[in-house]
């Protein structure tokens, strides 16, 4: 064997080993880099998923938080898992502290609990399972007609892919305002029927007396025809006031009004009521700031003032005074959105006054503090309601102050005209 071949063979073997080692190193490095890229891609994917999940949670929270309807999510044991602000307000719950609490311990309402138990499968009721909805009333411990809430509740079971119940969802709709409107409508219909029945009955009785046998004498005929005339006037007054209220209710938001001269409007209202005041021996006094203007239709302001003055005259004893005072005030908080200045017109009488418990309902339709006396004086029970509607449509409001034995004061708060835009 050629002695030179052995070193050459050894050299080839070493080179081959080095090449193999180098190849293994490259493969290992490539595998390491591949694993690193895969890990990095996995981390990036997880980060994207986490970001997407966070965005979805934020969107869900924003959606739930902005919903008018209340939403409550329960676990299978009936514990509160999620609740949105609307539901917390409707059910008087705390968003933080009541999470994880048993719903039955936090909300005491049998109808609502029965609905929830049916949705959770804790209560077997085939009829109820077909329609998991109900209207309930929530009454606080110190409930009054104005604090009682009416809720339309819909429940649904939360199930997994196998159909197993994992909890329930309650959706709460506040229908309190609708129920109150229905109650007002029913009361209004009942009041109208009652108010119309009284004069109609009086007219029928007078007509029957006129048609009786033997016929009444001249004095009796005069008395019965007087009754018919008075009751016809009363019916006309009621119908006119109802028509006025209907027109006010149906009117759209009024267009911007030209400034009304308060002084001229007050003078017209005083002139309309002077004869009535003289007949009752009551003085009409006016305390009017000059150059007053208000953003209100002059005809409506005049009618509102006539209604208030007429009321003051009806309930004031003879020899007293009814005062009308008009001023411009600064920074009226109730009218801050309408104008920096506001006009106040007050009609004050020296009558018997009004009991405090009547004041909150004084502007309701057909509400009277003394029904018998009001009818005797010719009132329809709609005058103050008309005043309220007219002034509110002009962007103002009406207030009343009264003390028994000292009289009452009704004040119109009106927005002053806005300066022209340059």
Protein backbone atom coordinates (compact mmCIF):
# COMPACT_ATOMS: atom_id res chain seq x y z
CA UNK A 1 0.00 0.00 0.00
CA UNK A 2 1.28 3.35 -0.90
CA UNK A 3 2.36 5.07 2.31
CA UNK A 4 0.97 8.35 0.98
CA UNK A 5 -2.59 6.97 0.71
CA UNK A 6 -3.00 6.45 4.47
CA UNK A 7 -2.62 10.11 5.44
CA UNK A 8 -4.81 11.07 2.52
CA UNK A 9 -7.47 8.58 3.63
CA UNK A 10 -7.33 9.88 7.17
CA UNK A 11 -7.62 13.42 5.91
CA UNK A 12 -10.72 12.50 3.91
CA UNK A 13 -12.27 10.81 6.91
CA UNK A 14 -11.67 13.89 9.06
CA UNK A 15 -13.08 16.14 6.38
CA UNK A 16 -16.15 13.96 6.05
CA UNK A 17 -16.65 14.02 9.82
CA UNK A 18 -16.28 17.77 9.91
CA UNK A 19 -18.74 18.14 7.06
CA UNK A 20 -21.24 15.87 8.76
CA UNK A 21 -20.86 17.77 12.02
CA UNK A 22 -21.26 21.06 10.18
CA UNK A 23 -24.40 19.77 8.48
CA UNK A 24 -25.80 18.54 11.79
CA UNK A 25 -25.06 21.94 13.34
CA UNK A 26 -26.78 23.72 10.51
CA UNK A 27 -29.80 21.46 10.79
CA UNK A 28 -29.94 21.99 14.56
CA UNK A 29 -29.64 25.74 14.10
CA UNK A 30 -32.33 25.70 11.43
CA UNK A 31 -34.56 23.63 13.71
CA UNK A 32 -33.92 26.06 16.57
CA UNK A 33 -34.73 29.03 14.37
CA UNK A 34 -37.86 27.26 13.13
CA UNK A 35 -38.99 26.58 16.68
CA UNK A 36 -38.26 30.19 17.60
CA UNK A 37 -40.29 31.43 14.65
CA UNK A 38 -43.12 29.08 15.57
CA UNK A 39 -43.03 30.20 19.20
CA UNK A 40 -42.95 33.83 18.10
CA UNK A 41 -45.86 33.26 15.72
CA UNK A 42 -47.77 31.46 18.47
CA UNK A 43 -47.08 34.30 20.90
CA UNK A 44 -48.18 36.84 18.29
CA UNK A 45 -51.33 34.83 17.60
CA UNK A 46 -52.08 34.59 21.32
CA UNK A 47 -51.47 38.31 21.68
CA UNK A 48 -53.86 39.00 18.79
CA UNK A 49 -56.45 36.69 20.31
CA UNK A 50 -56.04 38.36 23.71
CA UNK A 51 -56.37 41.79 22.10
CA UNK A 52 -59.44 40.69 20.15
CA UNK A 53 -60.95 39.20 23.32
CA UNK A 54 -60.23 42.42 25.21
CA UNK A 55 -61.84 44.44 22.40
CA UNK A 56 -64.88 42.19 22.38
CA UNK A 57 -65.20 42.46 26.15
CA UNK A 58 -64.87 46.23 25.92
CA UNK A 59 -67.49 46.35 23.16
CA UNK A 60 -69.78 44.08 25.17
CA UNK A 61 -69.37 46.21 28.28
CA UNK A 62 -69.96 49.38 26.25
CA UNK A 63 -73.04 47.86 24.64
CA UNK A 64 -74.47 46.66 27.94
CA UNK A 65 -73.63 49.96 29.58
CA UNK A 66 -75.40 51.98 26.90
CA UNK A 67 -78.54 49.83 26.78
CA UNK A 68 -81.77 51.29 28.07
CA UNK A 69 -82.96 47.78 28.90
CA UNK A 70 -81.62 46.11 32.01
CA UNK A 71 -79.64 42.87 31.55
CA UNK A 72 -78.79 40.38 34.30
CA UNK A 73 -76.77 37.20 33.66
CA UNK A 74 -77.03 34.39 36.23
CA UNK A 75 -75.02 31.21 36.77
CA UNK A 76 -76.77 27.80 37.12
CA UNK A 77 -77.23 28.35 40.88
CA UNK A 78 -79.00 31.66 40.39
CA UNK A 79 -76.07 33.86 41.42
CA UNK A 80 -75.53 37.16 39.66
CA UNK A 81 -72.69 36.86 37.15
CA UNK A 82 -73.09 40.09 35.15
CA UNK A 83 -75.35 43.10 35.49
CA UNK A 84 -75.49 46.31 33.47
CA UNK A 85 -76.12 49.81 34.91
CA UNK A 86 -79.74 49.94 33.68
CA UNK A 87 -80.60 46.71 35.52
CA UNK A 88 -78.77 47.90 38.64
CA UNK A 89 -80.88 51.06 38.61
CA UNK A 90 -84.16 49.25 37.97
CA UNK A 91 -83.56 46.60 40.64
CA UNK A 92 -81.71 48.84 43.10
CA UNK A 93 -78.54 46.72 42.94
CA UNK A 94 -74.86 47.58 43.27
CA UNK A 95 -72.76 46.84 40.17
CA UNK A 96 -69.72 45.79 42.22
CA UNK A 97 -70.88 44.41 45.55
CA UNK A 98 -73.87 42.42 44.30
CA UNK A 99 -71.91 40.46 41.68
CA UNK A 100 -71.74 36.84 42.84
CA UNK A 101 -74.68 37.25 45.23
CA UNK A 102 -77.79 35.07 45.05
CA UNK A 103 -80.40 36.92 43.01
CA UNK A 104 -83.23 35.74 45.26
CA UNK A 105 -81.56 37.36 48.28
CA UNK A 106 -81.03 40.70 46.58
CA UNK A 107 -84.37 41.07 44.77
CA UNK A 108 -87.51 40.11 46.69
CA UNK A 109 -90.17 39.54 44.07
CA UNK A 110 -92.03 36.25 43.76
CA UNK A 111 -93.08 36.67 40.11
CA UNK A 112 -89.55 37.58 39.01
CA UNK A 113 -88.02 34.70 40.97
CA UNK A 114 -90.50 32.24 39.48
CA UNK A 115 -89.56 33.41 35.99
CA UNK A 116 -85.85 33.01 36.77
CA UNK A 117 -86.29 29.55 38.32
CA UNK A 118 -88.18 28.39 35.23
CA UNK A 119 -85.39 29.64 32.95
CA UNK A 120 -82.77 27.88 35.11
CA UNK A 121 -84.75 24.64 35.03
CA UNK A 122 -85.20 24.69 38.80
CA UNK A 123 -88.97 24.89 38.40
CA UNK A 124 -90.86 22.53 36.12
CA UNK A 125 -93.67 24.47 34.49
CA UNK A 126 -94.37 23.44 30.87
CA UNK A 127 -96.84 26.28 30.34
CA UNK A 128 -94.39 28.90 31.63
CA UNK A 129 -91.47 27.51 29.60
CA UNK A 130 -93.32 28.36 26.37
CA UNK A 131 -93.46 32.05 27.29
CA UNK A 132 -90.71 33.17 29.65
CA UNK A 133 -91.98 36.74 29.99
CA UNK A 134 -94.11 38.64 32.46
CA UNK A 135 -94.96 42.13 33.64
CA UNK A 136 -94.13 42.73 37.28
CA UNK A 137 -94.44 45.55 39.76
CA UNK A 138 -91.61 46.50 42.08
CA UNK A 139 -92.71 48.23 45.24
CA UNK A 140 -90.08 49.75 47.55
CA UNK A 141 -90.67 49.55 51.27
CA UNK A 142 -91.81 53.20 51.29
CA UNK A 143 -93.64 52.88 47.97
CA UNK A 144 -95.90 55.65 46.74
CA UNK A 145 -97.82 55.82 43.44
CA UNK A 146 -94.90 57.77 41.94
CA UNK A 147 -92.14 55.37 43.07
CA UNK A 148 -93.74 52.07 42.07
CA UNK A 149 -92.11 50.59 38.96
CA UNK A 150 -93.62 48.44 36.24
CA UNK A 151 -91.20 46.14 34.41
CA UNK A 152 -91.68 43.92 31.39
CA UNK A 153 -89.28 41.00 31.97
CA UNK A 154 -88.09 38.42 29.46
CA UNK A 155 -86.00 35.42 30.55
CA UNK A 156 -83.94 32.94 28.53
CA UNK A 157 -81.83 29.91 29.45
CA UNK A 158 -78.12 29.90 28.56
CA UNK A 159 -77.03 26.48 27.23
CA UNK A 160 -73.75 24.96 26.01
CA UNK A 161 -73.13 22.97 22.80
CA UNK A 162 -74.57 19.86 24.48
CA UNK A 163 -77.79 21.64 25.41
CA UNK A 164 -77.00 21.71 29.13
CA UNK A 165 -78.16 24.79 31.03
CA UNK A 166 -75.31 27.03 32.13
CA UNK A 167 -77.35 29.87 33.53
CA UNK A 168 -80.02 32.36 32.52
CA UNK A 169 -80.41 35.90 31.21
CA UNK A 170 -83.05 38.41 32.29
CA UNK A 171 -83.90 41.40 30.11
CA UNK A 172 -85.85 44.18 31.86
CA UNK A 173 -87.94 46.82 30.06
CA UNK A 174 -89.14 49.76 32.13
CA UNK A 175 -92.78 50.36 31.14
CA UNK A 176 -93.61 52.57 34.13
CA UNK A 177 -94.15 55.65 31.98
CA UNK A 178 -96.51 53.78 29.66
CA UNK A 179 -98.57 52.46 32.55
CA UNK A 180 -98.79 55.92 34.09
CA UNK A 181 -99.94 57.36 30.77
CA UNK A 182 -102.60 54.66 30.55
CA UNK A 183 -103.72 55.51 34.08
CA UNK A 184 -103.84 59.22 33.23
CA UNK A 185 -105.86 58.45 30.09
CA UNK A 186 -108.33 56.30 32.04
CA UNK A 187 -108.67 58.97 34.74
CA UNK A 188 -109.13 61.62 32.06
CA UNK A 189 -111.93 59.68 30.34
CA UNK A 190 -113.60 59.05 33.70
CA UNK A 191 -113.31 62.74 34.67
CA UNK A 192 -114.67 63.96 31.33
CA UNK A 193 -117.62 61.60 31.64
CA UNK A 194 -118.29 62.80 35.17
CA UNK A 195 -117.96 66.49 34.27
CA UNK A 196 -120.32 66.15 31.31
CA UNK A 197 -122.83 64.04 33.18
CA UNK A 198 -123.55 66.76 35.78
CA UNK A 199 -124.74 69.53 33.42
CA UNK A 200 -126.49 67.06 31.13
CA UNK A 201 -128.44 65.68 34.10
CA UNK A 202 -129.40 69.21 35.14
CA UNK A 203 -130.57 70.04 31.61
CA UNK A 204 -132.63 66.82 31.38
CA UNK A 205 -134.26 67.53 34.75
CA UNK A 206 -135.15 71.08 33.69
CA UNK A 207 -136.57 69.88 30.36
CA UNK A 208 -138.68 67.23 32.09
CA UNK A 209 -140.03 69.88 34.47
CA UNK A 210 -140.95 72.13 31.54
CA UNK A 211 -142.77 69.23 29.86
CA UNK A 212 -144.60 68.17 33.00
CA UNK A 213 -148.34 68.25 33.46
CA UNK A 214 -149.69 70.66 34.55
CA UNK A 215 -147.17 72.99 32.87
CA UNK A 216 -145.17 75.25 35.15
CA UNK A 217 -146.10 78.88 35.59
CA UNK A 218 -144.10 81.77 34.13
CA UNK A 219 -141.73 82.09 37.13
CA UNK A 220 -140.97 78.37 37.10
CA UNK A 221 -140.41 78.42 33.33
CA UNK A 222 -138.00 81.30 33.78
CA UNK A 223 -136.11 79.39 36.47
CA UNK A 224 -135.90 76.17 34.44
CA UNK A 225 -134.82 77.93 31.25
CA UNK A 226 -132.16 79.72 33.33
CA UNK A 227 -130.86 76.35 34.51
CA UNK A 228 -130.72 75.10 30.92
CA UNK A 229 -128.87 78.22 29.79
CA UNK A 230 -126.32 78.03 32.61
CA UNK A 231 -125.65 74.36 32.08
CA UNK A 232 -125.36 74.86 28.32
CA UNK A 233 -122.76 77.57 29.00
CA UNK A 234 -120.95 75.16 31.30
CA UNK A 235 -120.95 72.43 28.64
CA UNK A 236 -119.62 74.91 26.10
CA UNK A 237 -116.85 76.01 28.48
CA UNK A 238 -115.80 72.40 29.14
CA UNK A 239 -115.77 71.55 25.44
CA UNK A 240 -113.83 74.70 24.56
CA UNK A 241 -111.21 73.93 27.20
CA UNK A 242 -110.96 70.32 26.02
CA UNK A 243 -110.50 71.54 22.44
CA UNK A 244 -107.78 73.95 23.58
CA UNK A 245 -105.94 71.16 25.42
CA UNK A 246 -106.25 68.86 22.41
CA UNK A 247 -104.77 71.53 20.16
CA UNK A 248 -101.92 72.12 22.61
CA UNK A 249 -101.19 68.38 22.87
CA UNK A 250 -101.21 67.96 19.09
CA UNK A 251 -99.10 71.03 18.37
CA UNK A 252 -95.55 70.42 17.21
CA UNK A 253 -92.62 72.28 18.76
CA UNK A 254 -93.43 75.94 18.12
CA UNK A 255 -91.27 77.96 15.80
CA UNK A 256 -89.09 80.73 17.29
CA UNK A 257 -91.40 83.46 18.52
CA UNK A 258 -91.15 87.17 17.99
CA UNK A 259 -90.74 89.06 21.27
CA UNK A 260 -94.07 89.80 22.96
CA UNK A 261 -94.62 93.13 24.70
CA UNK A 262 -95.48 92.00 28.24
CA UNK A 263 -96.95 95.38 29.18
CA UNK A 264 -99.48 95.39 26.33
CA UNK A 265 -100.41 91.75 26.96
CA UNK A 266 -100.92 92.35 30.69
CA UNK A 267 -103.08 95.42 29.94
CA UNK A 268 -105.27 93.34 27.61
CA UNK A 269 -105.69 90.60 30.24
CA UNK A 270 -106.57 93.16 32.95
CA UNK A 271 -109.13 94.77 30.65
CA UNK A 272 -110.78 91.38 30.04
CA UNK A 273 -111.13 90.76 33.78
CA UNK A 274 -112.05 94.25 35.00
CA UNK A 275 -115.82 93.81 34.76
CA UNK A 276 -115.69 90.54 36.70
CA UNK A 277 -113.49 92.16 39.38
CA UNK A 278 -115.86 95.12 39.74
CA UNK A 279 -118.83 92.79 40.06
CA UNK A 280 -117.10 91.03 42.93
CA UNK A 281 -115.83 94.28 44.49
CA UNK A 282 -112.20 93.14 44.16
CA UNK A 283 -109.36 95.52 43.30
CA UNK A 284 -106.99 94.65 40.44
CA UNK A 285 -103.51 96.07 41.07
CA UNK A 286 -100.63 96.01 38.58
CA UNK A 287 -96.92 96.32 39.39
CA UNK A 288 -95.20 96.17 36.02
CA UNK A 289 -91.59 96.77 35.10
CA UNK A 290 -91.34 98.82 31.93
CA UNK A 291 -90.15 97.56 28.55
CA UNK A 292 -90.53 93.89 29.38
CA UNK A 293 -90.42 91.41 26.52
CA UNK A 294 -90.77 87.62 26.49
CA UNK A 295 -90.50 84.86 23.89
CA UNK A 296 -94.15 83.80 23.95
CA UNK A 297 -97.15 84.23 21.67
CA UNK A 298 -99.06 87.28 22.97
CA UNK A 299 -102.47 85.56 22.55
CA UNK A 300 -101.37 82.56 24.61
CA UNK A 301 -99.80 84.70 27.31
CA UNK A 302 -103.01 86.75 27.50
CA UNK A 303 -105.16 83.62 27.83
CA UNK A 304 -102.86 82.21 30.53
CA UNK A 305 -103.05 85.46 32.48
CA UNK A 306 -106.83 85.67 32.08
CA UNK A 307 -107.14 82.10 33.44
CA UNK A 308 -104.97 82.93 36.46
CA UNK A 309 -106.70 86.25 37.20
CA UNK A 310 -110.13 84.64 36.77
CA UNK A 311 -109.15 81.90 39.25
CA UNK A 312 -107.88 84.50 41.72
CA UNK A 313 -111.15 86.45 41.47
CA UNK A 314 -113.27 83.32 41.99
CA UNK A 315 -111.49 82.34 45.20
CA UNK A 316 -111.00 85.81 46.70
CA UNK A 317 -113.52 87.31 49.13
CA UNK A 318 -115.10 90.69 48.41
CA UNK A 319 -113.12 93.78 49.30
CA UNK A 320 -109.72 92.12 48.75
CA UNK A 321 -107.03 92.70 46.14
CA UNK A 322 -105.56 90.68 43.29
CA UNK A 323 -102.07 91.84 42.32
CA UNK A 324 -100.26 91.19 39.06
CA UNK A 325 -96.51 91.75 39.20
CA UNK A 326 -94.05 91.40 36.30
CA UNK A 327 -90.27 91.57 36.59
CA UNK A 328 -87.17 90.51 34.71
CA UNK A 329 -84.85 88.30 36.76
CA UNK A 330 -81.23 87.27 36.30
CA UNK A 331 -79.86 83.75 36.10
CA UNK A 332 -83.11 81.86 36.45
CA UNK A 333 -81.73 78.32 36.87
CA UNK A 334 -84.86 76.69 35.50
CA UNK A 335 -84.43 78.63 32.25
CA UNK A 336 -80.65 78.60 32.00
CA UNK A 337 -80.78 76.73 28.69
CA UNK A 338 -83.20 79.18 27.13
CA UNK A 339 -81.81 82.55 28.10
CA UNK A 340 -79.59 84.37 30.52
CA UNK A 341 -82.53 86.54 31.57
CA UNK A 342 -86.08 85.49 32.33
CA UNK A 343 -89.40 87.21 32.88
CA UNK A 344 -91.55 86.39 35.89
CA UNK A 345 -95.23 87.33 36.00
CA UNK A 346 -96.98 86.64 39.32
CA UNK A 347 -100.71 86.73 40.05
CA UNK A 348 -101.29 86.93 43.81
CA UNK A 349 -104.63 86.82 45.61
CA UNK A 350 -105.77 87.24 49.22
CA UNK A 351 -108.03 84.20 49.32
CA UNK A 352 -108.15 81.26 51.71
CA UNK A 353 -105.05 79.59 50.31
CA UNK A 354 -104.45 76.00 49.24
CA UNK A 355 -103.44 73.07 51.42
CA UNK A 356 -99.87 71.89 50.79
CA UNK A 357 -100.87 68.35 49.78
CA UNK A 358 -102.89 69.73 46.85
CA UNK A 359 -100.04 71.74 45.30
CA UNK A 360 -98.19 68.92 43.45
CA UNK A 361 -101.39 67.93 41.57
CA UNK A 362 -102.84 71.39 41.09
CA UNK A 363 -102.08 71.52 37.33
CA UNK A 364 -103.58 68.12 36.55
CA UNK A 365 -106.65 68.04 34.33
CA UNK A 366 -109.94 68.20 36.25
CA UNK A 367 -108.11 68.30 39.59
CA UNK A 368 -109.95 70.44 42.12
CA UNK A 369 -109.20 71.23 45.75
CA UNK A 370 -112.93 71.81 46.40
CA UNK A 371 -115.10 70.19 43.70
CA UNK A 372 -118.43 71.48 44.93
CA UNK A 373 -117.26 75.08 45.23
CA UNK A 374 -115.42 74.97 41.91
CA UNK A 375 -118.54 73.85 40.03
CA UNK A 376 -120.63 76.43 41.88
CA UNK A 377 -118.22 79.15 40.69
CA UNK A 378 -118.33 77.88 37.12
CA UNK A 379 -114.88 76.32 36.89
CA UNK A 380 -114.17 73.51 34.43
CA UNK A 381 -111.13 72.10 36.22
CA UNK A 382 -108.99 72.61 33.10
CA UNK A 383 -107.86 76.23 33.39
CA UNK A 384 -104.58 75.63 35.23
CA UNK A 385 -103.73 72.68 33.00
CA UNK A 386 -104.15 74.95 29.96
CA UNK A 387 -101.88 77.56 31.56
CA UNK A 388 -99.20 74.94 32.22
CA UNK A 389 -99.28 73.61 28.65
CA UNK A 390 -99.14 77.05 27.07
CA UNK A 391 -96.21 78.27 29.13
CA UNK A 392 -94.23 75.04 28.77
CA UNK A 393 -94.65 75.15 24.99
CA UNK A 394 -93.06 78.60 25.08
CA UNK A 395 -90.05 77.14 26.92
CA UNK A 396 -91.08 78.30 30.39
CA UNK A 397 -92.76 76.81 33.43
CA UNK A 398 -95.35 77.64 36.10
CA UNK A 399 -94.92 77.57 39.86
CA UNK A 400 -97.28 78.11 42.77
CA UNK A 401 -96.88 79.16 46.40
CA UNK A 402 -99.73 79.18 48.87
CA UNK A 403 -100.31 79.57 52.59
CA UNK A 404 -103.62 78.83 54.27
CA UNK A 405 -105.33 82.00 55.32
CA UNK A 406 -102.93 84.22 53.35
CA UNK A 407 -103.72 83.50 49.71
CA UNK A 408 -101.90 82.01 46.72
CA UNK A 409 -99.36 83.21 44.16
CA UNK A 410 -99.05 81.69 40.67
CA UNK A 411 -95.92 82.65 38.74
CA UNK A 412 -95.21 82.32 35.03
CA UNK A 413 -91.48 81.91 34.32
CA UNK A 414 -90.88 82.93 30.71
CA UNK A 415 -87.69 83.08 28.62
CA UNK A 416 -86.63 86.53 27.53
CA UNK A 417 -85.99 87.00 23.81
CA UNK A 418 -82.54 86.05 22.59
CA UNK A 419 -80.40 88.82 21.11
CA UNK A 420 -80.15 88.66 17.30
CA UNK A 421 -77.24 86.71 15.89
CA UNK A 422 -74.84 89.08 14.12
